[in-house]
């Protein structure tokens, strides 16, 4: 299997995954702050953080409710 990919391809794939993970983490943290602030509805937050689905936002909201 390793002969199918060279080191540059493996590194590029890793960096793409790492970058996506970082962006998703940042989006989740932004959404958490907005939910905690309580000034915007989930629909409005979804417009501000389009990389997260409504299901993800609802799950974050529920997670934060349990923590409170």
PDB file of N, CA and C in Angstrom:
ATOM      1  N   UNK A   1       0.823  -1.192   0.000  1.00  0.00           N
ATOM      2  CA  UNK A   1       0.000   0.000   0.000  1.00  0.00           C
ATOM      3  C   UNK A   1       0.870   1.261   0.000  1.00  0.00           C
ATOM      4  N   UNK A   2       1.918   1.257   0.763  1.00  0.00           N
ATOM      5  CA  UNK A   2       2.777   2.430   0.855  1.00  0.00           C
ATOM      6  C   UNK A   2       3.449   2.767  -0.470  1.00  0.00           C
ATOM      7  N   UNK A   3       3.563   1.804  -1.356  1.00  0.00           N
ATOM      8  CA  UNK A   3       4.193   2.087  -2.647  1.00  0.00           C
ATOM      9  C   UNK A   3       3.278   2.889  -3.555  1.00  0.00           C
ATOM     10  N   UNK A   4       1.998   2.966  -3.239  1.00  0.00           N
ATOM     11  CA  UNK A   4       1.053   3.718  -4.065  1.00  0.00           C
ATOM     12  C   UNK A   4       1.169   5.219  -3.844  1.00  0.00           C
ATOM     13  N   UNK A   5       1.701   5.630  -2.714  1.00  0.00           N
ATOM     14  CA  UNK A   5       1.786   7.043  -2.373  1.00  0.00           C
ATOM     15  C   UNK A   5       3.231   7.410  -2.045  1.00  0.00           C
ATOM     16  N   UNK A   6       3.657   8.561  -2.509  1.00  0.00           N
ATOM     17  CA  UNK A   6       4.984   9.014  -2.095  1.00  0.00           C
ATOM     18  C   UNK A   6       4.840   9.914  -0.869  1.00  0.00           C
ATOM     19  N   UNK A   7       5.962  10.276  -0.292  1.00  0.00           N
ATOM     20  CA  UNK A   7       5.952  11.058   0.950  1.00  0.00           C
ATOM     21  C   UNK A   7       5.237  12.398   0.792  1.00  0.00           C
ATOM     22  N   UNK A   8       5.394  13.048  -0.335  1.00  0.00           N
ATOM     23  CA  UNK A   8       4.742  14.341  -0.556  1.00  0.00           C
ATOM     24  C   UNK A   8       3.228  14.209  -0.565  1.00  0.00           C
ATOM     25  N   UNK A   9       2.710  13.157  -1.178  1.00  0.00           N
ATOM     26  CA  UNK A   9       1.257  12.938  -1.213  1.00  0.00           C
ATOM     27  C   UNK A   9       0.713  12.641   0.181  1.00  0.00           C
ATOM     28  N   UNK A  10       1.452  11.864   0.934  1.00  0.00           N
ATOM     29  CA  UNK A  10       1.039  11.537   2.296  1.00  0.00           C
ATOM     30  C   UNK A  10       1.027  12.798   3.156  1.00  0.00           C
ATOM     31  N   UNK A  11       2.077  13.609   3.048  1.00  0.00           N
ATOM     32  CA  UNK A  11       2.153  14.852   3.810  1.00  0.00           C
ATOM     33  C   UNK A  11       1.036  15.810   3.412  1.00  0.00           C
ATOM     34  N   UNK A  12       0.761  15.924   2.130  1.00  0.00           N
ATOM     35  CA  UNK A  12      -0.309  16.807   1.655  1.00  0.00           C
ATOM     36  C   UNK A  12      -1.665  16.370   2.190  1.00  0.00           C
ATOM     37  N   UNK A  13      -1.940  15.073   2.157  1.00  0.00           N
ATOM     38  CA  UNK A  13      -3.212  14.553   2.683  1.00  0.00           C
ATOM     39  C   UNK A  13      -3.321  14.820   4.176  1.00  0.00           C
ATOM     40  N   UNK A  14      -2.217  14.631   4.904  1.00  0.00           N
ATOM     41  CA  UNK A  14      -2.214  14.892   6.336  1.00  0.00           C
ATOM     42  C   UNK A  14      -2.498  16.360   6.618  1.00  0.00           C
ATOM     43  N   UNK A  15      -1.848  17.250   5.876  1.00  0.00           N
ATOM     44  CA  UNK A  15      -2.027  18.685   6.093  1.00  0.00           C
ATOM     45  C   UNK A  15      -3.457  19.126   5.777  1.00  0.00           C
ATOM     46  N   UNK A  16      -4.064  18.552   4.754  1.00  0.00           N
ATOM     47  CA  UNK A  16      -5.461  18.877   4.435  1.00  0.00           C
ATOM     48  C   UNK A  16      -6.374  18.484   5.588  1.00  0.00           C
ATOM     49  N   UNK A  17      -6.167  17.292   6.106  1.00  0.00           N
ATOM     50  CA  UNK A  17      -6.980  16.815   7.229  1.00  0.00           C
ATOM     51  C   UNK A  17      -6.751  17.685   8.463  1.00  0.00           C
ATOM     52  N   UNK A  18      -5.499  18.012   8.741  1.00  0.00           N
ATOM     53  CA  UNK A  18      -5.152  18.842   9.893  1.00  0.00           C
ATOM     54  C   UNK A  18      -5.799  20.225   9.768  1.00  0.00           C
ATOM     55  N   UNK A  19      -5.729  20.816   8.588  1.00  0.00           N
ATOM     56  CA  UNK A  19      -6.314  22.137   8.354  1.00  0.00           C
ATOM     57  C   UNK A  19      -7.828  22.106   8.537  1.00  0.00           C
ATOM     58  N   UNK A  20      -8.481  21.077   8.018  1.00  0.00           N
ATOM     59  CA  UNK A  20      -9.930  20.943   8.183  1.00  0.00           C
ATOM     60  C   UNK A  20     -10.300  20.797   9.654  1.00  0.00           C
ATOM     61  N   UNK A  21      -9.519  20.010  10.387  1.00  0.00           N
ATOM     62  CA  UNK A  21      -9.775  19.820  11.819  1.00  0.00           C
ATOM     63  C   UNK A  21      -9.646  21.132  12.587  1.00  0.00           C
ATOM     64  N   UNK A  22      -8.632  21.917  12.250  1.00  0.00           N
ATOM     65  CA  UNK A  22      -8.422  23.210  12.917  1.00  0.00           C
ATOM     66  C   UNK A  22      -9.586  24.144  12.612  1.00  0.00           C
ATOM     67  N   UNK A  23      -9.984  24.226  11.347  1.00  0.00           N
ATOM     68  CA  UNK A  23     -11.093  25.111  10.967  1.00  0.00           C
ATOM     69  C   UNK A  23     -12.383  24.682  11.643  1.00  0.00           C
ATOM     70  N   UNK A  24     -12.631  23.377  11.715  1.00  0.00           N
ATOM     71  CA  UNK A  24     -13.841  22.885  12.361  1.00  0.00           C
ATOM     72  C   UNK A  24     -13.805  23.204  13.854  1.00  0.00           C
ATOM     73  N   UNK A  25     -12.650  23.050  14.461  1.00  0.00           N
ATOM     74  CA  UNK A  25     -12.515  23.368  15.886  1.00  0.00           C
ATOM     75  C   UNK A  25     -12.769  24.848  16.145  1.00  0.00           C
ATOM     76  N   UNK A  26     -12.230  25.698  15.291  1.00  0.00           N
ATOM     77  CA  UNK A  26     -12.443  27.141  15.435  1.00  0.00           C
ATOM     78  C   UNK A  26     -13.919  27.492  15.241  1.00  0.00           C
ATOM     79  N   UNK A  27     -14.567  26.859  14.267  1.00  0.00           N
ATOM     80  CA  UNK A  27     -15.987  27.115  14.025  1.00  0.00           C
ATOM     81  C   UNK A  27     -16.817  26.688  15.233  1.00  0.00           C
ATOM     82  N   UNK A  28     -16.487  25.541  15.811  1.00  0.00           N
ATOM     83  CA  UNK A  28     -17.211  25.059  16.989  1.00  0.00           C
ATOM     84  C   UNK A  28     -17.030  26.011  18.174  1.00  0.00           C
ATOM     85  N   UNK A  29     -15.819  26.496  18.383  1.00  0.00           N
ATOM     86  CA  UNK A  29     -15.574  27.427  19.487  1.00  0.00           C
ATOM     87  C   UNK A  29     -16.323  28.744  19.273  1.00  0.00           C
ATOM     88  N   UNK A  30     -16.340  29.221  18.045  1.00  0.00           N
ATOM     89  CA  UNK A  30     -17.089  30.442  17.730  1.00  0.00           C
ATOM     90  C   UNK A  30     -18.569  30.233  18.008  1.00  0.00           C
ATOM     91  N   UNK A  31     -19.108  29.117  17.540  1.00  0.00           N
ATOM     92  CA  UNK A  31     -20.524  28.819  17.767  1.00  0.00           C
ATOM     93  C   UNK A  31     -20.825  28.698  19.258  1.00  0.00           C
ATOM     94  N   UNK A  32     -19.936  28.065  20.008  1.00  0.00           N
ATOM     95  CA  UNK A  32     -20.148  27.939  21.458  1.00  0.00           C
ATOM     96  C   UNK A  32     -20.227  29.306  22.120  1.00  0.00           C
ATOM     97  N   UNK A  33     -19.328  30.210  21.729  1.00  0.00           N
ATOM     98  CA  UNK A  33     -19.362  31.561  22.321  1.00  0.00           C
ATOM     99  C   UNK A  33     -20.671  32.266  21.961  1.00  0.00           C
ATOM    100  N   UNK A  34     -21.121  32.103  20.737  1.00  0.00           N
ATOM    101  CA  UNK A  34     -22.354  32.759  20.299  1.00  0.00           C
ATOM    102  C   UNK A  34     -23.561  32.176  21.022  1.00  0.00           C
ATOM    103  N   UNK A  35     -23.573  30.862  21.203  1.00  0.00           N
ATOM    104  CA  UNK A  35     -24.675  30.219  21.929  1.00  0.00           C
ATOM    105  C   UNK A  35     -24.673  30.695  23.381  1.00  0.00           C
ATOM    106  N   UNK A  36     -23.495  30.711  23.983  1.00  0.00           N
ATOM    107  CA  UNK A  36     -23.379  31.152  25.382  1.00  0.00           C
ATOM    108  C   UNK A  36     -23.843  32.591  25.547  1.00  0.00           C
ATOM    109  N   UNK A  37     -23.507  33.440  24.575  1.00  0.00           N
ATOM    110  CA  UNK A  37     -23.916  34.843  24.614  1.00  0.00           C
ATOM    111  C   UNK A  37     -25.442  34.957  24.623  1.00  0.00           C
ATOM    112  N   UNK A  38     -26.115  34.077  23.903  1.00  0.00           N
ATOM    113  CA  UNK A  38     -27.571  34.010  23.929  1.00  0.00           C
ATOM    114  C   UNK A  38     -28.312  35.080  23.167  1.00  0.00           C
ATOM    115  N   UNK A  39     -27.614  35.908  22.413  1.00  0.00           N
ATOM    116  CA  UNK A  39     -28.284  36.989  21.703  1.00  0.00           C
ATOM    117  C   UNK A  39     -28.835  36.579  20.342  1.00  0.00           C
ATOM    118  N   UNK A  40     -28.297  35.495  19.774  1.00  0.00           N
ATOM    119  CA  UNK A  40     -28.720  35.079  18.441  1.00  0.00           C
ATOM    120  C   UNK A  40     -29.374  33.706  18.483  1.00  0.00           C
ATOM    121  N   UNK A  41     -30.308  33.498  17.571  1.00  0.00           N
ATOM    122  CA  UNK A  41     -30.928  32.188  17.430  1.00  0.00           C
ATOM    123  C   UNK A  41     -29.947  31.253  16.719  1.00  0.00           C
ATOM    124  N   UNK A  42     -30.231  29.965  16.788  1.00  0.00           N
ATOM    125  CA  UNK A  42     -29.380  29.007  16.079  1.00  0.00           C
ATOM    126  C   UNK A  42     -29.390  29.254  14.575  1.00  0.00           C
ATOM    127  N   UNK A  43     -30.518  29.710  14.043  1.00  0.00           N
ATOM    128  CA  UNK A  43     -30.590  30.028  12.611  1.00  0.00           C
ATOM    129  C   UNK A  43     -29.600  31.134  12.254  1.00  0.00           C
ATOM    130  N   UNK A  44     -29.523  32.158  13.072  1.00  0.00           N
ATOM    131  CA  UNK A  44     -28.592  33.265  12.827  1.00  0.00           C
ATOM    132  C   UNK A  44     -27.145  32.802  13.009  1.00  0.00           C
ATOM    133  N   UNK A  45     -26.916  31.972  14.010  1.00  0.00           N
ATOM    134  CA  UNK A  45     -25.566  31.449  14.223  1.00  0.00           C
ATOM    135  C   UNK A  45     -25.144  30.602  13.025  1.00  0.00           C
ATOM    136  N   UNK A  46     -26.074  29.831  12.484  1.00  0.00           N
ATOM    137  CA  UNK A  46     -25.779  29.009  11.305  1.00  0.00           C
ATOM    138  C   UNK A  46     -25.379  29.879  10.120  1.00  0.00           C
ATOM    139  N   UNK A  47     -25.942  31.066  10.023  1.00  0.00           N
ATOM    140  CA  UNK A  47     -25.560  31.980   8.948  1.00  0.00           C
ATOM    141  C   UNK A  47     -24.151  32.524   9.170  1.00  0.00           C
ATOM    142  N   UNK A  48     -23.778  32.716  10.421  1.00  0.00           N
ATOM    143  CA  UNK A  48     -22.449  33.240  10.751  1.00  0.00           C
ATOM    144  C   UNK A  48     -21.371  32.168  10.708  1.00  0.00           C
ATOM    145  N   UNK A  49     -21.754  30.938  10.981  1.00  0.00           N
ATOM    146  CA  UNK A  49     -20.809  29.820  11.012  1.00  0.00           C
ATOM    147  C   UNK A  49     -21.342  28.727  10.064  1.00  0.00           C
ATOM    148  N   UNK A  50     -21.274  28.974   8.750  1.00  0.00           N
ATOM    149  CA  UNK A  50     -21.896  28.060   7.793  1.00  0.00           C
ATOM    150  C   UNK A  50     -21.244  26.687   7.686  1.00  0.00           C
ATOM    151  N   UNK A  51     -20.065  26.525   8.241  1.00  0.00           N
ATOM    152  CA  UNK A  51     -19.403  25.221   8.149  1.00  0.00           C
ATOM    153  C   UNK A  51     -20.004  24.185   9.099  1.00  0.00           C
ATOM    154  N   UNK A  52     -20.846  24.647  10.040  1.00  0.00           N
ATOM    155  CA  UNK A  52     -21.516  23.731  10.962  1.00  0.00           C
ATOM    156  C   UNK A  52     -22.967  23.565  10.561  1.00  0.00           C
ATOM    157  N   UNK A  53     -23.433  22.336  10.601  1.00  0.00           N
ATOM    158  CA  UNK A  53     -24.833  22.062  10.272  1.00  0.00           C
ATOM    159  C   UNK A  53     -25.724  22.430  11.457  1.00  0.00           C
ATOM    160  N   UNK A  54     -27.008  22.523  11.186  1.00  0.00           N
ATOM    161  CA  UNK A  54     -27.958  22.805  12.273  1.00  0.00           C
ATOM    162  C   UNK A  54     -27.926  21.687  13.312  1.00  0.00           C
ATOM    163  N   UNK A  55     -27.745  20.441  12.871  1.00  0.00           N
ATOM    164  CA  UNK A  55     -27.648  19.328  13.821  1.00  0.00           C
ATOM    165  C   UNK A  55     -26.439  19.509  14.743  1.00  0.00           C
ATOM    166  N   UNK A  56     -25.313  19.941  14.175  1.00  0.00           N
ATOM    167  CA  UNK A  56     -24.130  20.182  14.993  1.00  0.00           C
ATOM    168  C   UNK A  56     -24.372  21.318  15.978  1.00  0.00           C
ATOM    169  N   UNK A  57     -25.043  22.382  15.514  1.00  0.00           N
ATOM    170  CA  UNK A  57     -25.336  23.507  16.404  1.00  0.00           C
ATOM    171  C   UNK A  57     -26.283  23.093  17.525  1.00  0.00           C
ATOM    172  N   UNK A  58     -27.284  22.290  17.189  1.00  0.00           N
ATOM    173  CA  UNK A  58     -28.213  21.812  18.221  1.00  0.00           C
ATOM    174  C   UNK A  58     -27.476  20.950  19.255  1.00  0.00           C
ATOM    175  N   UNK A  59     -26.555  20.117  18.765  1.00  0.00           N
ATOM    176  CA  UNK A  59     -25.785  19.272  19.671  1.00  0.00           C
ATOM    177  C   UNK A  59     -24.900  20.125  20.581  1.00  0.00           C
ATOM    178  N   UNK A  60     -24.289  21.162  20.036  1.00  0.00           N
ATOM    179  CA  UNK A  60     -23.479  22.073  20.852  1.00  0.00           C
ATOM    180  C   UNK A  60     -24.336  22.762  21.902  1.00  0.00           C
ATOM    181  N   UNK A  61     -25.518  23.210  21.489  1.00  0.00           N
ATOM    182  CA  UNK A  61     -26.428  23.882  22.416  1.00  0.00           C
ATOM    183  C   UNK A  61     -26.819  22.934  23.552  1.00  0.00           C
ATOM    184  N   UNK A  62     -27.158  21.691  23.206  1.00  0.00           N
ATOM    185  CA  UNK A  62     -27.536  20.713  24.219  1.00  0.00           C
ATOM    186  C   UNK A  62     -26.361  20.420  25.144  1.00  0.00           C
ATOM    187  N   UNK A  63     -25.175  20.306  24.573  1.00  0.00           N
ATOM    188  CA  UNK A  63     -23.968  20.063  25.369  1.00  0.00           C
ATOM    189  C   UNK A  63     -23.744  21.197  26.364  1.00  0.00           C
ATOM    190  N   UNK A  64     -23.946  22.393  25.908  1.00  0.00           N
ATOM    191  CA  UNK A  64     -23.732  23.560  26.781  1.00  0.00           C
ATOM    192  C   UNK A  64     -24.809  23.656  27.850  1.00  0.00           C
ATOM    193  N   UNK A  65     -26.024  23.231  27.541  1.00  0.00           N
ATOM    194  CA  UNK A  65     -27.106  23.246  28.535  1.00  0.00           C
ATOM    195  C   UNK A  65     -26.800  22.273  29.667  1.00  0.00           C
ATOM    196  N   UNK A  66     -26.209  21.124  29.312  1.00  0.00           N
ATOM    197  CA  UNK A  66     -25.865  20.126  30.327  1.00  0.00           C
ATOM    198  C   UNK A  66     -24.733  20.587  31.204  1.00  0.00           C
ATOM    199  N   UNK A  67     -23.858  21.434  30.659  1.00  0.00           N
ATOM    200  CA  UNK A  67     -22.721  21.937  31.415  1.00  0.00           C
ATOM    201  C   UNK A  67     -23.118  23.049  32.376  1.00  0.00           C
ATOM    202  N   UNK A  68     -24.232  23.710  32.083  1.00  0.00           N
ATOM    203  CA  UNK A  68     -24.644  24.853  32.904  1.00  0.00           C
ATOM    204  C   UNK A  68     -25.300  24.433  34.188  1.00  0.00           C
TER     205      UNK A  68
END
